[in-house]
Amino acid sequence: MTDRSEDPDALERIPLFPLPMVLFPGALMPLRIFEQRYLDMVRECTRNNSGFGVIRLEQNKDQPRAQHAAIGTEAQIEDFSTLDDGLLGIDCRGCSRFRIHRTIARDDGLLFGEVDWLAEEERQPVAAEYGALQSLLQQIMQQKELPIDPDTDPGEASSLSMALAAILPMDDAQAQVALEMNNPNQRLGYLMALIESNNDRMLEA
């Protein structure tokens, strides 16, 4: 995965796609595209060989306007298809995480964010107390194909934690918490606590 954080003080403007879900680095996300602004975005990203930002759309009935998270993940388009309903389908791979400093709406309603890129997490071993999570992922990987980084390493804390966060059945608020953590073993502890408190539902992943 490319490290986009060489100059942490530099801001970059990227198109944003607010969704009621969270994209994790390395994870594969299929999307159905039907609004014209997002069709144009996909066309521009393809032409420029660039990505777009997926940010969690926060649904709150007490807020008059939709809100979105400040931290999201860049999505790179890997494949296209025409779906059975005639809509455009794209497969996107999560790349680097970013923090939004300011948003700007284009005339067609497409949202852009001025972002800085969060540093790639340093490789570190999985803490001994989370060994069960290594076994869990390995068992799931043997049973079915998963929408995670094909180079996922269950022995490395960041790789393991991002892969598990992408496949465990959390709600989107819990997923956002996991995404925003910068310590991979802390993320593993958070996931372990969720599994222990929702054992039956979480292990159906």
Protein backbone atom coordinates (compact mmCIF):
# COMPACT_ATOMS: atom_id res chain seq x y z
CA MET A 1 0.00 0.00 0.00
CA THR A 2 1.39 3.40 -0.96
CA ASP A 3 2.40 5.75 1.85
CA ARG A 4 0.69 9.07 1.11
CA SER A 5 2.05 10.85 4.19
CA GLU A 6 5.55 12.00 3.17
CA ASP A 7 4.55 15.66 3.68
CA PRO A 8 2.05 15.75 6.56
CA ASP A 9 1.62 19.53 6.25
CA ALA A 10 0.49 19.42 2.61
CA LEU A 11 -3.24 19.43 1.88
CA GLU A 12 -4.67 17.74 -1.18
CA ARG A 13 -8.14 18.22 -2.66
CA ILE A 14 -10.00 14.99 -3.42
CA PRO A 15 -13.62 14.18 -4.34
CA LEU A 16 -15.66 12.68 -1.52
CA PHE A 17 -18.31 9.98 -1.56
CA PRO A 18 -20.31 10.05 1.71
CA LEU A 19 -21.81 6.63 2.48
CA PRO A 20 -23.51 5.07 5.54
CA MET A 21 -20.56 2.67 5.89
CA VAL A 22 -16.82 2.63 6.52
CA LEU A 23 -14.08 1.56 4.11
CA PHE A 24 -10.90 0.14 5.65
CA PRO A 25 -7.45 0.17 4.03
CA GLY A 26 -7.00 -2.99 1.99
CA ALA A 27 -10.71 -3.83 1.90
CA LEU A 28 -12.68 -4.27 -1.31
CA MET A 29 -15.95 -2.34 -1.60
CA PRO A 30 -18.44 -2.81 -4.48
CA LEU A 31 -20.57 0.24 -5.30
CA ARG A 32 -23.58 0.92 -7.51
CA ILE A 33 -23.27 4.31 -9.20
CA PHE A 34 -26.38 6.07 -10.47
CA GLU A 35 -26.25 9.78 -9.57
CA GLN A 36 -24.78 11.89 -12.36
CA ARG A 37 -22.31 13.67 -10.08
CA TYR A 38 -20.81 10.34 -9.04
CA LEU A 39 -20.79 9.02 -12.61
CA ASP A 40 -18.80 12.14 -13.51
CA MET A 41 -16.52 11.56 -10.50
CA VAL A 42 -15.78 7.98 -11.58
CA ARG A 43 -15.06 9.18 -15.12
CA GLU A 44 -12.68 11.88 -13.85
CA CYS A 45 -10.92 9.49 -11.46
CA THR A 46 -10.45 6.98 -14.25
CA ARG A 47 -9.11 9.61 -16.63
CA ASN A 48 -6.71 11.00 -14.01
CA ASN A 49 -5.79 7.61 -12.54
CA SER A 50 -6.76 8.98 -9.14
CA GLY A 51 -8.94 7.93 -6.24
CA PHE A 52 -11.78 9.40 -4.24
CA GLY A 53 -12.51 9.56 -0.54
CA VAL A 54 -15.10 7.38 1.16
CA ILE A 55 -16.39 9.02 4.33
CA ARG A 56 -19.01 7.76 6.73
CA LEU A 57 -22.33 9.58 6.47
CA GLU A 58 -23.64 10.08 9.99
CA GLN A 59 -27.39 9.67 10.23
CA ASN A 60 -28.81 11.71 13.11
CA LYS A 61 -32.51 12.53 13.26
CA ASP A 62 -31.77 15.47 15.57
CA GLN A 63 -29.52 17.14 12.97
CA PRO A 64 -31.27 19.15 10.23
CA ARG A 65 -28.45 18.39 7.79
CA ALA A 66 -26.49 15.20 7.21
CA GLN A 67 -23.08 15.14 8.86
CA HIS A 68 -20.02 13.18 7.86
CA ALA A 69 -16.97 11.87 9.66
CA ALA A 70 -13.70 13.79 9.60
CA ILE A 71 -11.57 10.73 8.86
CA GLY A 72 -12.07 8.49 5.84
CA THR A 73 -10.26 6.23 3.41
CA GLU A 74 -9.16 6.78 -0.17
CA ALA A 75 -10.75 4.36 -2.64
CA GLN A 76 -9.00 3.30 -5.84
CA ILE A 77 -11.17 1.86 -8.61
CA GLU A 78 -10.09 -1.65 -9.58
CA ASP A 79 -12.87 -2.85 -11.89
CA PHE A 80 -16.07 -1.82 -13.70
CA SER A 81 -19.17 -3.71 -14.72
CA THR A 82 -22.69 -3.11 -15.97
CA LEU A 83 -25.09 -4.51 -13.39
CA ASP A 84 -28.29 -6.45 -14.12
CA ASP A 85 -30.33 -3.29 -13.54
CA GLY A 86 -28.22 -1.38 -16.07
CA LEU A 87 -26.38 0.70 -13.49
CA LEU A 88 -22.62 1.11 -13.31
CA GLY A 89 -20.92 -1.15 -10.81
CA ILE A 90 -17.40 -0.47 -9.57
CA ASP A 91 -15.07 -2.39 -7.26
CA CYS A 92 -12.94 -0.13 -5.08
CA ARG A 93 -9.96 -0.96 -2.89
CA GLY A 94 -9.30 1.00 0.30
CA CYS A 95 -5.92 2.71 0.38
CA SER A 96 -4.66 5.47 2.66
CA ARG A 97 -6.62 7.11 5.46
CA PHE A 98 -7.08 10.88 5.49
CA ARG A 99 -8.35 13.68 7.70
CA ILE A 100 -10.65 16.37 6.26
CA HIS A 101 -9.83 19.98 7.10
CA ARG A 102 -12.41 21.69 4.90
CA THR A 103 -15.09 20.71 2.39
CA ILE A 104 -16.21 22.51 -0.78
CA ALA A 105 -19.24 21.63 -2.91
CA ARG A 106 -19.03 21.86 -6.70
CA ASP A 107 -21.96 23.30 -8.67
CA ASP A 108 -23.27 19.79 -9.39
CA GLY A 109 -23.27 18.98 -5.67
CA LEU A 110 -20.13 16.82 -5.69
CA LEU A 111 -18.29 17.32 -2.42
CA PHE A 112 -14.53 17.86 -2.29
CA GLY A 113 -12.34 17.72 0.78
CA GLU A 114 -9.05 19.40 1.52
CA VAL A 115 -7.29 16.58 3.32
CA ASP A 116 -4.02 15.51 4.83
CA TRP A 117 -2.96 11.88 4.77
CA LEU A 118 -2.60 9.94 7.99
CA ALA A 119 0.72 8.17 8.47
CA GLU A 120 0.87 4.51 7.57
CA GLU A 121 0.92 2.38 10.69
CA GLU A 122 4.28 0.87 11.59
CA ARG A 123 4.56 -2.87 11.30
CA GLN A 124 4.50 -4.59 14.68
CA PRO A 125 3.80 -8.08 15.97
CA VAL A 126 0.39 -9.05 17.28
CA ALA A 127 0.31 -8.81 21.08
CA ALA A 128 0.12 -12.23 22.71
CA GLU A 129 -3.32 -11.60 24.22
CA TYR A 130 -4.79 -11.24 20.71
CA GLY A 131 -3.53 -14.55 19.37
CA ALA A 132 -7.11 -15.83 19.20
CA LEU A 133 -7.87 -13.15 16.63
CA GLN A 134 -5.09 -14.47 14.41
CA SER A 135 -6.64 -17.94 14.57
CA LEU A 136 -10.10 -16.50 13.89
CA LEU A 137 -9.02 -14.74 10.71
CA GLN A 138 -7.06 -17.74 9.48
CA GLN A 139 -10.10 -19.99 10.00
CA ILE A 140 -12.39 -17.59 8.13
CA MET A 141 -9.88 -17.23 5.30
CA GLN A 142 -9.83 -21.02 4.87
CA GLN A 143 -13.62 -21.17 4.63
CA LYS A 144 -14.36 -18.42 2.12
CA GLU A 145 -12.94 -15.64 -0.01
CA LEU A 146 -12.89 -12.35 1.86
CA PRO A 147 -13.04 -8.72 0.60
CA ILE A 148 -9.73 -7.87 2.28
CA ASP A 149 -6.18 -7.06 1.22
CA PRO A 150 -4.90 -10.12 -0.69
CA ASP A 151 -1.56 -9.61 1.10
CA THR A 152 -3.12 -9.66 4.58
CA ASP A 153 -0.65 -10.98 7.13
CA PRO A 154 -2.38 -12.41 10.22
CA GLY A 155 0.93 -12.20 12.06
CA GLU A 156 1.20 -8.42 11.71
CA ALA A 157 -0.99 -6.25 13.96
CA SER A 158 -2.02 -3.54 11.49
CA SER A 159 -2.77 -5.99 8.69
CA LEU A 160 -4.74 -8.28 11.02
CA SER A 161 -6.71 -5.48 12.66
CA MET A 162 -7.70 -3.80 9.39
CA ALA A 163 -8.77 -7.12 7.85
CA LEU A 164 -10.89 -8.10 10.85
CA ALA A 165 -12.43 -4.64 11.09
CA ALA A 166 -13.45 -4.92 7.44
CA ILE A 167 -15.29 -8.25 7.85
CA LEU A 168 -16.72 -8.31 11.38
CA PRO A 169 -20.42 -7.28 11.53
CA MET A 170 -20.06 -4.02 13.42
CA ASP A 171 -22.39 -1.08 13.08
CA ASP A 172 -20.96 1.86 11.18
CA ALA A 173 -20.31 3.93 14.34
CA GLN A 174 -18.20 1.13 15.81
CA ALA A 175 -16.39 0.72 12.50
CA GLN A 176 -15.56 4.43 12.46
CA VAL A 177 -14.01 4.16 15.91
CA ALA A 178 -11.82 1.29 14.69
CA LEU A 179 -10.80 3.22 11.57
CA GLU A 180 -9.72 6.27 13.56
CA MET A 181 -7.45 4.33 15.94
CA ASN A 182 -3.76 4.73 15.15
CA ASN A 183 -2.41 1.89 17.30
CA PRO A 184 -3.08 -1.49 15.65
CA ASN A 185 -2.88 -3.49 18.88
CA GLN A 186 -5.30 -1.04 20.48
CA ARG A 187 -7.62 -1.70 17.50
CA LEU A 188 -7.28 -5.44 18.10
CA GLY A 189 -8.22 -4.91 21.73
CA TYR A 190 -11.29 -2.95 20.66
CA LEU A 191 -12.33 -5.70 18.25
CA MET A 192 -11.73 -8.38 20.88
CA ALA A 193 -13.98 -6.52 23.31
CA LEU A 194 -16.73 -6.26 20.68
CA ILE A 195 -16.49 -9.98 19.94
CA GLU A 196 -16.65 -10.88 23.62
CA SER A 197 -19.71 -8.69 24.20
CA ASN A 198 -21.53 -9.83 21.04
CA ASN A 199 -20.07 -13.29 20.62
CA ASP A 200 -22.79 -15.06 18.62
CA ARG A 201 -23.46 -12.20 16.18
CA MET A 202 -19.80 -11.28 15.62
CA LEU A 203 -18.67 -14.83 14.89
CA GLU A 204 -21.23 -15.16 12.10
CA ALA A 205 -18.94 -12.99 9.92
